PDB file of N, CA and C in Angstrom:
ATOM      1  N   GLU A   1      -1.879  -4.196  12.665  1.00  0.00           N
ATOM      2  CA  GLU A   1      -2.378  -3.789  11.360  1.00  0.00           C
ATOM      3  C   GLU A   1      -2.289  -2.278  11.179  1.00  0.00           C
ATOM      4  N   ILE A   2      -2.624  -1.535  12.217  1.00  0.00           N
ATOM      5  CA  ILE A   2      -2.557  -0.073  12.130  1.00  0.00           C
ATOM      6  C   ILE A   2      -1.110   0.371  11.913  1.00  0.00           C
ATOM      7  N   GLN A   3      -0.176  -0.212  12.644  1.00  0.00           N
ATOM      8  CA  GLN A   3       1.228   0.170  12.497  1.00  0.00           C
ATOM      9  C   GLN A   3       1.737  -0.146  11.093  1.00  0.00           C
ATOM     10  N   GLN A   4       1.321  -1.274  10.549  1.00  0.00           N
ATOM     11  CA  GLN A   4       1.725  -1.629   9.192  1.00  0.00           C
ATOM     12  C   GLN A   4       1.170  -0.626   8.186  1.00  0.00           C
ATOM     13  N   GLN A   5      -0.080  -0.254   8.369  1.00  0.00           N
ATOM     14  CA  GLN A   5      -0.708   0.705   7.462  1.00  0.00           C
ATOM     15  C   GLN A   5      -0.019   2.061   7.535  1.00  0.00           C
ATOM     16  N   ARG A   6       0.298   2.502   8.740  1.00  0.00           N
ATOM     17  CA  ARG A   6       0.975   3.794   8.907  1.00  0.00           C
ATOM     18  C   ARG A   6       2.371   3.769   8.279  1.00  0.00           C
ATOM     19  N   ALA A   7       3.077   2.656   8.452  1.00  0.00           N
ATOM     20  CA  ALA A   7       4.403   2.533   7.834  1.00  0.00           C
ATOM     21  C   ALA A   7       4.281   2.592   6.314  1.00  0.00           C
ATOM     22  N   ALA A   8       3.292   1.893   5.761  1.00  0.00           N
ATOM     23  CA  ALA A   8       3.083   1.918   4.311  1.00  0.00           C
ATOM     24  C   ALA A   8       2.718   3.322   3.839  1.00  0.00           C
ATOM     25  N   GLN A   9       1.921   4.046   4.613  1.00  0.00           N
ATOM     26  CA  GLN A   9       1.550   5.418   4.250  1.00  0.00           C
ATOM     27  C   GLN A   9       2.775   6.331   4.221  1.00  0.00           C
ATOM     28  N   LYS A  10       3.642   6.186   5.198  1.00  0.00           N
ATOM     29  CA  LYS A  10       4.859   7.002   5.223  1.00  0.00           C
ATOM     30  C   LYS A  10       5.758   6.667   4.037  1.00  0.00           C
ATOM     31  N   LEU A  11       5.846   5.387   3.720  1.00  0.00           N
ATOM     32  CA  LEU A  11       6.681   4.977   2.594  1.00  0.00           C
ATOM     33  C   LEU A  11       6.115   5.476   1.262  1.00  0.00           C
ATOM     34  N   ILE A  12       4.806   5.389   1.079  1.00  0.00           N
ATOM     35  CA  ILE A  12       4.239   5.850  -0.192  1.00  0.00           C
ATOM     36  C   ILE A  12       4.379   7.363  -0.319  1.00  0.00           C
ATOM     37  N   TYR A  13       4.313   8.073   0.803  1.00  0.00           N
ATOM     38  CA  TYR A  13       4.511   9.523   0.765  1.00  0.00           C
ATOM     39  C   TYR A  13       5.926   9.848   0.268  1.00  0.00           C
ATOM     40  N   THR A  14       6.918   9.174   0.838  1.00  0.00           N
ATOM     41  CA  THR A  14       8.306   9.402   0.428  1.00  0.00           C
ATOM     42  C   THR A  14       8.517   8.976  -1.020  1.00  0.00           C
ATOM     43  N   PHE A  15       7.971   7.833  -1.383  1.00  0.00           N
ATOM     44  CA  PHE A  15       8.088   7.340  -2.758  1.00  0.00           C
ATOM     45  C   PHE A  15       7.532   8.358  -3.751  1.00  0.00           C
ATOM     46  N   ASN A  16       6.383   8.924  -3.446  1.00  0.00           N
ATOM     47  CA  ASN A  16       5.776   9.918  -4.336  1.00  0.00           C
ATOM     48  C   ASN A  16       6.626  11.181  -4.447  1.00  0.00           C
ATOM     49  N   GLN A  17       7.398  11.487  -3.408  1.00  0.00           N
ATOM     50  CA  GLN A  17       8.279  12.655  -3.450  1.00  0.00           C
ATOM     51  C   GLN A  17       9.504  12.422  -4.333  1.00  0.00           C
ATOM     52  N   VAL A  18       9.975  11.181  -4.395  1.00  0.00           N
ATOM     53  CA  VAL A  18      11.218  10.901  -5.120  1.00  0.00           C
ATOM     54  C   VAL A  18      11.005  10.311  -6.514  1.00  0.00           C
ATOM     55  N   LYS A  19       9.799   9.855  -6.813  1.00  0.00           N
ATOM     56  CA  LYS A  19       9.564   9.285  -8.146  1.00  0.00           C
ATOM     57  C   LYS A  19       9.628  10.391  -9.189  1.00  0.00           C
ATOM     58  N   PRO A  20       9.965  10.057 -10.422  1.00  0.00           N
ATOM     59  CA  PRO A  20      10.020  11.088 -11.467  1.00  0.00           C
ATOM     60  C   PRO A  20       8.678  11.804 -11.623  1.00  0.00           C
ATOM     61  N   GLN A  21       8.729  13.102 -11.781  1.00  0.00           N
ATOM     62  CA  GLN A  21       7.505  13.897 -11.930  1.00  0.00           C
ATOM     63  C   GLN A  21       6.779  13.585 -13.236  1.00  0.00           C
ATOM     64  N   THR A  22       7.457  12.939 -14.164  1.00  0.00           N
ATOM     65  CA  THR A  22       6.831  12.584 -15.434  1.00  0.00           C
ATOM     66  C   THR A  22       5.835  11.436 -15.299  1.00  0.00           C
ATOM     67  N   ILE A  23       5.891  10.719 -14.180  1.00  0.00           N
ATOM     68  CA  ILE A  23       4.932   9.634 -13.945  1.00  0.00           C
ATOM     69  C   ILE A  23       3.633  10.269 -13.462  1.00  0.00           C
ATOM     70  N   PRO A  24       2.529  10.054 -14.191  1.00  0.00           N
ATOM     71  CA  PRO A  24       1.287  10.776 -13.897  1.00  0.00           C
ATOM     72  C   PRO A  24       0.467  10.217 -12.739  1.00  0.00           C
ATOM     73  N   TYR A  25       0.975   9.256 -12.011  1.00  0.00           N
ATOM     74  CA  TYR A  25       0.215   8.627 -10.931  1.00  0.00           C
ATOM     75  C   TYR A  25       0.824   8.959  -9.576  1.00  0.00           C
ATOM     76  N   THR A  26      -0.052   9.121  -8.594  1.00  0.00           N
ATOM     77  CA  THR A  26       0.374   9.355  -7.217  1.00  0.00           C
ATOM     78  C   THR A  26      -0.390   8.373  -6.326  1.00  0.00           C
ATOM     79  N   PRO A  27       0.145   7.160  -6.156  1.00  0.00           N
ATOM     80  CA  PRO A  27      -0.566   6.164  -5.351  1.00  0.00           C
ATOM     81  C   PRO A  27      -0.697   6.605  -3.899  1.00  0.00           C
ATOM     82  N   ARG A  28      -1.702   6.061  -3.231  1.00  0.00           N
ATOM     83  CA  ARG A  28      -1.924   6.361  -1.817  1.00  0.00           C
ATOM     84  C   ARG A  28      -2.592   5.161  -1.156  1.00  0.00           C
ATOM     85  N   PHE A  29      -2.606   5.182   0.165  1.00  0.00           N
ATOM     86  CA  PHE A  29      -3.287   4.157   0.942  1.00  0.00           C
ATOM     87  C   PHE A  29      -4.464   4.783   1.664  1.00  0.00           C
ATOM     88  N   LEU A  30      -5.498   4.005   1.869  1.00  0.00           N
ATOM     89  CA  LEU A  30      -6.637   4.472   2.647  1.00  0.00           C
ATOM     90  C   LEU A  30      -6.236   4.636   4.105  1.00  0.00           C
ATOM     91  N   GLU A  31      -6.875   5.578   4.764  1.00  0.00           N
ATOM     92  CA  GLU A  31      -6.692   5.725   6.207  1.00  0.00           C
ATOM     93  C   GLU A  31      -7.382   4.558   6.912  1.00  0.00           C
ATOM     94  N   VAL A  32      -6.754   4.026   7.925  1.00  0.00           N
ATOM     95  CA  VAL A  32      -7.332   2.967   8.747  1.00  0.00           C
ATOM     96  C   VAL A  32      -7.496   3.524  10.152  1.00  0.00           C
ATOM     97  N   PHE A  33      -8.621   3.209  10.764  1.00  0.00           N
ATOM     98  CA  PHE A  33      -8.913   3.720  12.099  1.00  0.00           C
ATOM     99  C   PHE A  33      -9.135   2.568  13.062  1.00  0.00           C
ATOM    100  N   LEU A  34      -8.737   2.777  14.281  1.00  0.00           N
ATOM    101  CA  LEU A  34      -8.914   1.797  15.345  1.00  0.00           C
ATOM    102  C   LEU A  34     -10.044   2.273  16.239  1.00  0.00           C
ATOM    103  N   ILE A  35     -11.042   1.417  16.436  1.00  0.00           N
ATOM    104  CA  ILE A  35     -12.159   1.772  17.319  1.00  0.00           C
ATOM    105  C   ILE A  35     -12.374   0.643  18.322  1.00  0.00           C
ATOM    106  N   TYR A  36     -12.949   1.015  19.440  1.00  0.00           N
ATOM    107  CA  TYR A  36     -13.253   0.025  20.467  1.00  0.00           C
ATOM    108  C   TYR A  36     -14.759  -0.132  20.554  1.00  0.00           C
ATOM    109  N   CYS A  37     -15.237  -1.357  20.436  1.00  0.00           N
ATOM    110  CA  CYS A  37     -16.662  -1.667  20.541  1.00  0.00           C
ATOM    111  C   CYS A  37     -16.927  -2.176  21.957  1.00  0.00           C
ATOM    112  N   HIS A  38     -17.534  -1.306  22.774  1.00  0.00           N
ATOM    113  CA  HIS A  38     -17.775  -1.662  24.178  1.00  0.00           C
ATOM    114  C   HIS A  38     -18.681  -2.881  24.314  1.00  0.00           C
ATOM    115  N   SER A  39     -19.743  -2.951  23.508  1.00  0.00           N
ATOM    116  CA  SER A  39     -20.695  -4.057  23.649  1.00  0.00           C
ATOM    117  C   SER A  39     -20.058  -5.410  23.336  1.00  0.00           C
ATOM    118  N   ALA A  40     -19.072  -5.422  22.462  1.00  0.00           N
ATOM    119  CA  ALA A  40     -18.391  -6.669  22.111  1.00  0.00           C
ATOM    120  C   ALA A  40     -17.068  -6.825  22.850  1.00  0.00           C
ATOM    121  N   ASN A  41     -16.674  -5.767  23.602  1.00  0.00           N
ATOM    122  CA  ASN A  41     -15.399  -5.772  24.314  1.00  0.00           C
ATOM    123  C   ASN A  41     -14.258  -6.144  23.359  1.00  0.00           C
ATOM    124  N   GLN A  42     -14.224  -5.432  22.220  1.00  0.00           N
ATOM    125  CA  GLN A  42     -13.290  -5.804  21.160  1.00  0.00           C
ATOM    126  C   GLN A  42     -12.807  -4.563  20.408  1.00  0.00           C
ATOM    127  N   TRP A  43     -11.524  -4.591  20.026  1.00  0.00           N
ATOM    128  CA  TRP A  43     -10.961  -3.547  19.175  1.00  0.00           C
ATOM    129  C   TRP A  43     -11.183  -3.936  17.722  1.00  0.00           C
ATOM    130  N   LEU A  44     -11.497  -2.953  16.889  1.00  0.00           N
ATOM    131  CA  LEU A  44     -11.751  -3.185  15.473  1.00  0.00           C
ATOM    132  C   LEU A  44     -10.990  -2.167  14.632  1.00  0.00           C
ATOM    133  N   THR A  45     -10.611  -2.558  13.443  1.00  0.00           N
ATOM    134  CA  THR A  45     -10.053  -1.600  12.489  1.00  0.00           C
ATOM    135  C   THR A  45     -11.093  -1.378  11.401  1.00  0.00           C
ATOM    136  N   ILE A  46     -11.210  -0.125  10.970  1.00  0.00           N
ATOM    137  CA  ILE A  46     -12.159   0.206   9.916  1.00  0.00           C
ATOM    138  C   ILE A  46     -11.482   1.104   8.891  1.00  0.00           C
ATOM    139  N   GLU A  47     -11.995   1.055   7.680  1.00  0.00           N
ATOM    140  CA  GLU A  47     -11.549   1.951   6.622  1.00  0.00           C
ATOM    141  C   GLU A  47     -12.736   2.252   5.727  1.00  0.00           C
ATOM    142  N   LYS A  48     -12.613   3.279   4.937  1.00  0.00           N
ATOM    143  CA  LYS A  48     -13.680   3.692   4.041  1.00  0.00           C
ATOM    144  C   LYS A  48     -13.978   2.581   3.042  1.00  0.00           C
ATOM    145  N   TYR A  49     -15.262   2.346   2.810  1.00  0.00           N
ATOM    146  CA  TYR A  49     -15.682   1.363   1.816  1.00  0.00           C
ATOM    147  C   TYR A  49     -15.566   1.986   0.431  1.00  0.00           C
ATOM    148  N   MET A  50     -14.942   1.269  -0.467  1.00  0.00           N
ATOM    149  CA  MET A  50     -14.786   1.771  -1.831  1.00  0.00           C
ATOM    150  C   MET A  50     -15.464   0.808  -2.796  1.00  0.00           C
ATOM    151  N   THR A  51     -16.187   1.372  -3.739  1.00  0.00           N
ATOM    152  CA  THR A  51     -16.840   0.557  -4.754  1.00  0.00           C
ATOM    153  C   THR A  51     -15.986   0.527  -6.010  1.00  0.00           C
ATOM    154  N   GLY A  52     -16.321  -0.369  -6.899  1.00  0.00           N
ATOM    155  CA  GLY A  52     -15.623  -0.427  -8.175  1.00  0.00           C
ATOM    156  C   GLY A  52     -14.817  -1.697  -8.324  1.00  0.00           C
ATOM    157  N   GLU A  53     -14.111  -1.764  -9.423  1.00  0.00           N
ATOM    158  CA  GLU A  53     -13.250  -2.908  -9.697  1.00  0.00           C
ATOM    159  C   GLU A  53     -11.821  -2.556  -9.298  1.00  0.00           C
ATOM    160  N   PHE A  54     -11.132  -3.535  -8.760  1.00  0.00           N
ATOM    161  CA  PHE A  54      -9.772  -3.306  -8.292  1.00  0.00           C
ATOM    162  C   PHE A  54      -8.833  -4.303  -8.950  1.00  0.00           C
ATOM    163  N   ARG A  55      -7.642  -3.869  -9.178  1.00  0.00           N
ATOM    164  CA  ARG A  55      -6.598  -4.710  -9.765  1.00  0.00           C
ATOM    165  C   ARG A  55      -5.605  -5.049  -8.664  1.00  0.00           C
ATOM    166  N   LYS A  56      -5.340  -6.328  -8.480  1.00  0.00           N
ATOM    167  CA  LYS A  56      -4.353  -6.748  -7.485  1.00  0.00           C
ATOM    168  C   LYS A  56      -3.001  -6.852  -8.188  1.00  0.00           C
ATOM    169  N   TYR A  57      -2.012  -6.101  -7.696  1.00  0.00           N
ATOM    170  CA  TYR A  57      -0.702  -6.053  -8.336  1.00  0.00           C
ATOM    171  C   TYR A  57       0.237  -7.129  -7.819  1.00  0.00           C
ATOM    172  N   ASN A  58       0.139  -7.438  -6.538  1.00  0.00           N
ATOM    173  CA  ASN A  58       0.935  -8.516  -5.957  1.00  0.00           C
ATOM    174  C   ASN A  58       0.224  -9.019  -4.708  1.00  0.00           C
ATOM    175  N   ASN A  59       0.719 -10.126  -4.150  1.00  0.00           N
ATOM    176  CA  ASN A  59       0.089 -10.675  -2.947  1.00  0.00           C
ATOM    177  C   ASN A  59       1.128 -10.862  -1.849  1.00  0.00           C
ATOM    178  N   ASN A  60       0.684 -11.386  -0.723  1.00  0.00           N
ATOM    179  CA  ASN A  60       1.576 -11.545   0.431  1.00  0.00           C
ATOM    180  C   ASN A  60       2.677 -12.574   0.206  1.00  0.00           C
ATOM    181  N   ASN A  61       2.520 -13.425  -0.790  1.00  0.00           N
ATOM    182  CA  ASN A  61       3.550 -14.419  -1.103  1.00  0.00           C
ATOM    183  C   ASN A  61       4.613 -13.872  -2.041  1.00  0.00           C
ATOM    184  N   GLY A  62       4.398 -12.659  -2.536  1.00  0.00           N
ATOM    185  CA  GLY A  62       5.344 -12.073  -3.468  1.00  0.00           C
ATOM    186  C   GLY A  62       5.009 -12.330  -4.923  1.00  0.00           C
ATOM    187  N   ASP A  63       3.928 -13.087  -5.182  1.00  0.00           N
ATOM    188  CA  ASP A  63       3.495 -13.279  -6.564  1.00  0.00           C
ATOM    189  C   ASP A  63       3.013 -11.940  -7.099  1.00  0.00           C
ATOM    190  N   GLU A  64       3.297 -11.666  -8.356  1.00  0.00           N
ATOM    191  CA  GLU A  64       2.894 -10.387  -8.925  1.00  0.00           C
ATOM    192  C   GLU A  64       2.418 -10.556 -10.354  1.00  0.00           C
ATOM    193  N   ILE A  65       1.691  -9.564 -10.821  1.00  0.00           N
ATOM    194  CA  ILE A  65       1.209  -9.566 -12.186  1.00  0.00           C
ATOM    195  C   ILE A  65       2.368  -9.287 -13.137  1.00  0.00           C
ATOM    196  N   THR A  66       2.167  -9.560 -14.387  1.00  0.00           N
ATOM    197  CA  THR A  66       3.098  -9.110 -15.419  1.00  0.00           C
ATOM    198  C   THR A  66       2.601  -7.738 -15.851  1.00  0.00           C
ATOM    199  N   PRO A  67       3.367  -6.696 -15.593  1.00  0.00           N
ATOM    200  CA  PRO A  67       2.867  -5.345 -15.868  1.00  0.00           C
ATOM    201  C   PRO A  67       2.681  -5.097 -17.366  1.00  0.00           C
ATOM    202  N   THR A  68       1.581  -4.401 -17.679  1.00  0.00           N
ATOM    203  CA  THR A  68       1.282  -4.084 -19.080  1.00  0.00           C
ATOM    204  C   THR A  68       1.123  -2.585 -19.302  1.00  0.00           C
ATOM    205  N   ASN A  69       1.275  -1.792 -18.231  1.00  0.00           N
ATOM    206  CA  ASN A  69       1.160  -0.339 -18.390  1.00  0.00           C
ATOM    207  C   ASN A  69       1.963   0.361 -17.292  1.00  0.00           C
ATOM    208  N   THR A  70       2.028   1.673 -17.377  1.00  0.00           N
ATOM    209  CA  THR A  70       2.845   2.467 -16.451  1.00  0.00           C
ATOM    210  C   THR A  70       2.377   2.337 -15.011  1.00  0.00           C
ATOM    211  N   LEU A  71       1.064   2.328 -14.785  1.00  0.00           N
ATOM    212  CA  LEU A  71       0.557   2.216 -13.416  1.00  0.00           C
ATOM    213  C   LEU A  71       0.972   0.891 -12.791  1.00  0.00           C
ATOM    214  N   GLU A  72       0.829  -0.183 -13.527  1.00  0.00           N
ATOM    215  CA  GLU A  72       1.215  -1.498 -13.003  1.00  0.00           C
ATOM    216  C   GLU A  72       2.713  -1.555 -12.721  1.00  0.00           C
ATOM    217  N   GLU A  73       3.515  -1.001 -13.607  1.00  0.00           N
ATOM    218  CA  GLU A  73       4.963  -0.946 -13.380  1.00  0.00           C
ATOM    219  C   GLU A  73       5.286  -0.129 -12.139  1.00  0.00           C
ATOM    220  N   LEU A  74       4.578   0.979 -11.956  1.00  0.00           N
ATOM    221  CA  LEU A  74       4.808   1.846 -10.799  1.00  0.00           C
ATOM    222  C   LEU A  74       4.502   1.127  -9.496  1.00  0.00           C
ATOM    223  N   MET A  75       3.397   0.411  -9.448  1.00  0.00           N
ATOM    224  CA  MET A  75       3.020  -0.271  -8.212  1.00  0.00           C
ATOM    225  C   MET A  75       4.020  -1.369  -7.851  1.00  0.00           C
ATOM    226  N   LEU A  76       4.474  -2.103  -8.845  1.00  0.00           N
ATOM    227  CA  LEU A  76       5.485  -3.133  -8.573  1.00  0.00           C
ATOM    228  C   LEU A  76       6.819  -2.504  -8.197  1.00  0.00           C
ATOM    229  N   ALA A  77       7.137  -1.382  -8.822  1.00  0.00           N
ATOM    230  CA  ALA A  77       8.370  -0.666  -8.469  1.00  0.00           C
ATOM    231  C   ALA A  77       8.302  -0.175  -7.029  1.00  0.00           C
ATOM    232  N   PHE A  78       7.122   0.266  -6.595  1.00  0.00           N
ATOM    233  CA  PHE A  78       6.969   0.721  -5.212  1.00  0.00           C
ATOM    234  C   PHE A  78       7.287  -0.409  -4.237  1.00  0.00           C
ATOM    235  N   SER A  79       6.756  -1.594  -4.477  1.00  0.00           N
ATOM    236  CA  SER A  79       7.055  -2.725  -3.586  1.00  0.00           C
ATOM    237  C   SER A  79       8.556  -2.959  -3.501  1.00  0.00           C
ATOM    238  N   HIS A  80       9.207  -3.012  -4.643  1.00  0.00           N
ATOM    239  CA  HIS A  80      10.657  -3.228  -4.668  1.00  0.00           C
ATOM    240  C   HIS A  80      11.378  -2.085  -3.951  1.00  0.00           C
ATOM    241  N   TRP A  81      10.947  -0.860  -4.213  1.00  0.00           N
ATOM    242  CA  TRP A  81      11.566   0.324  -3.604  1.00  0.00           C
ATOM    243  C   TRP A  81      11.470   0.268  -2.082  1.00  0.00           C
ATOM    244  N   THR A  82      10.342  -0.200  -1.537  1.00  0.00           N
ATOM    245  CA  THR A  82      10.204  -0.245  -0.070  1.00  0.00           C
ATOM    246  C   THR A  82      11.270  -1.139   0.549  1.00  0.00           C
ATOM    247  N   TYR A  83      11.572  -2.234  -0.110  1.00  0.00           N
ATOM    248  CA  TYR A  83      12.600  -3.149   0.387  1.00  0.00           C
ATOM    249  C   TYR A  83      13.976  -2.496   0.330  1.00  0.00           C
ATOM    250  N   GLU A  84      14.280  -1.859  -0.787  1.00  0.00           N
ATOM    251  CA  GLU A  84      15.574  -1.194  -0.948  1.00  0.00           C
ATOM    252  C   GLU A  84      15.703   0.005  -0.008  1.00  0.00           C
ATOM    253  N   TYR A  85      14.673   0.817   0.062  1.00  0.00           N
ATOM    254  CA  TYR A  85      14.704   2.039   0.872  1.00  0.00           C
ATOM    255  C   TYR A  85      14.883   1.733   2.357  1.00  0.00           C
ATOM    256  N   THR A  86      14.270   0.644   2.821  1.00  0.00           N
ATOM    257  CA  THR A  86      14.366   0.280   4.241  1.00  0.00           C
ATOM    258  C   THR A  86      15.512  -0.698   4.497  1.00  0.00           C
ATOM    259  N   ARG A  87      16.360  -0.883   3.501  1.00  0.00           N
ATOM    260  CA  ARG A  87      17.516  -1.792   3.599  1.00  0.00           C
ATOM    261  C   ARG A  87      17.105  -3.199   4.043  1.00  0.00           C
ATOM    262  N   GLY A  88      16.008  -3.671   3.453  1.00  0.00           N
ATOM    263  CA  GLY A  88      15.550  -5.027   3.717  1.00  0.00           C
ATOM    264  C   GLY A  88      14.711  -5.193   4.962  1.00  0.00           C
ATOM    265  N   GLU A  89      14.410  -4.115   5.663  1.00  0.00           N
ATOM    266  CA  GLU A  89      13.612  -4.211   6.894  1.00  0.00           C
ATOM    267  C   GLU A  89      12.124  -4.390   6.609  1.00  0.00           C
ATOM    268  N   LEU A  90      11.633  -3.753   5.542  1.00  0.00           N
ATOM    269  CA  LEU A  90      10.208  -3.797   5.214  1.00  0.00           C
ATOM    270  C   LEU A  90      10.020  -4.097   3.739  1.00  0.00           C
ATOM    271  N   LEU A  91       8.897  -4.717   3.437  1.00  0.00           N
ATOM    272  CA  LEU A  91       8.494  -4.961   2.059  1.00  0.00           C
ATOM    273  C   LEU A  91       6.984  -4.818   2.008  1.00  0.00           C
ATOM    274  N   VAL A  92       6.502  -3.820   1.306  1.00  0.00           N
ATOM    275  CA  VAL A  92       5.060  -3.590   1.211  1.00  0.00           C
ATOM    276  C   VAL A  92       4.522  -4.426   0.055  1.00  0.00           C
ATOM    277  N   LEU A  93       3.586  -5.312   0.389  1.00  0.00           N
ATOM    278  CA  LEU A  93       2.983  -6.224  -0.580  1.00  0.00           C
ATOM    279  C   LEU A  93       1.463  -6.146  -0.495  1.00  0.00           C
ATOM    280  N   ASP A  94       0.819  -6.999  -1.251  1.00  0.00           N
ATOM    281  CA  ASP A  94      -0.643  -7.103  -1.282  1.00  0.00           C
ATOM    282  C   ASP A  94      -1.263  -5.794  -1.762  1.00  0.00           C
ATOM    283  N   LEU A  95      -0.668  -5.235  -2.805  1.00  0.00           N
ATOM    284  CA  LEU A  95      -1.128  -3.951  -3.337  1.00  0.00           C
ATOM    285  C   LEU A  95      -2.294  -4.149  -4.290  1.00  0.00           C
ATOM    286  N   GLN A  96      -3.283  -3.283  -4.133  1.00  0.00           N
ATOM    287  CA  GLN A  96      -4.464  -3.293  -5.012  1.00  0.00           C
ATOM    288  C   GLN A  96      -4.711  -1.893  -5.505  1.00  0.00           C
TER     289      GLN A  96
END
């Protein structure tokens, strides 16, 4: 999970560098941390808790919303771009 998150972070960084500057959004991913819980003898991943309402743009099956604004179009374009940019090696999905 950590490796997937780091790969997605690197991809979104590159995407933000190459997207047109006229697009007013700069998407990002939360940092994920790996911790070891000695009492449970278990590794855990944690991330910052965020409040509010969230919009899911696509899921792990590739189902996606019908975009109705620039932000939604951008998020779906990012998923497609990850596949093209990595020559089919990676596809970032489950975007919220």
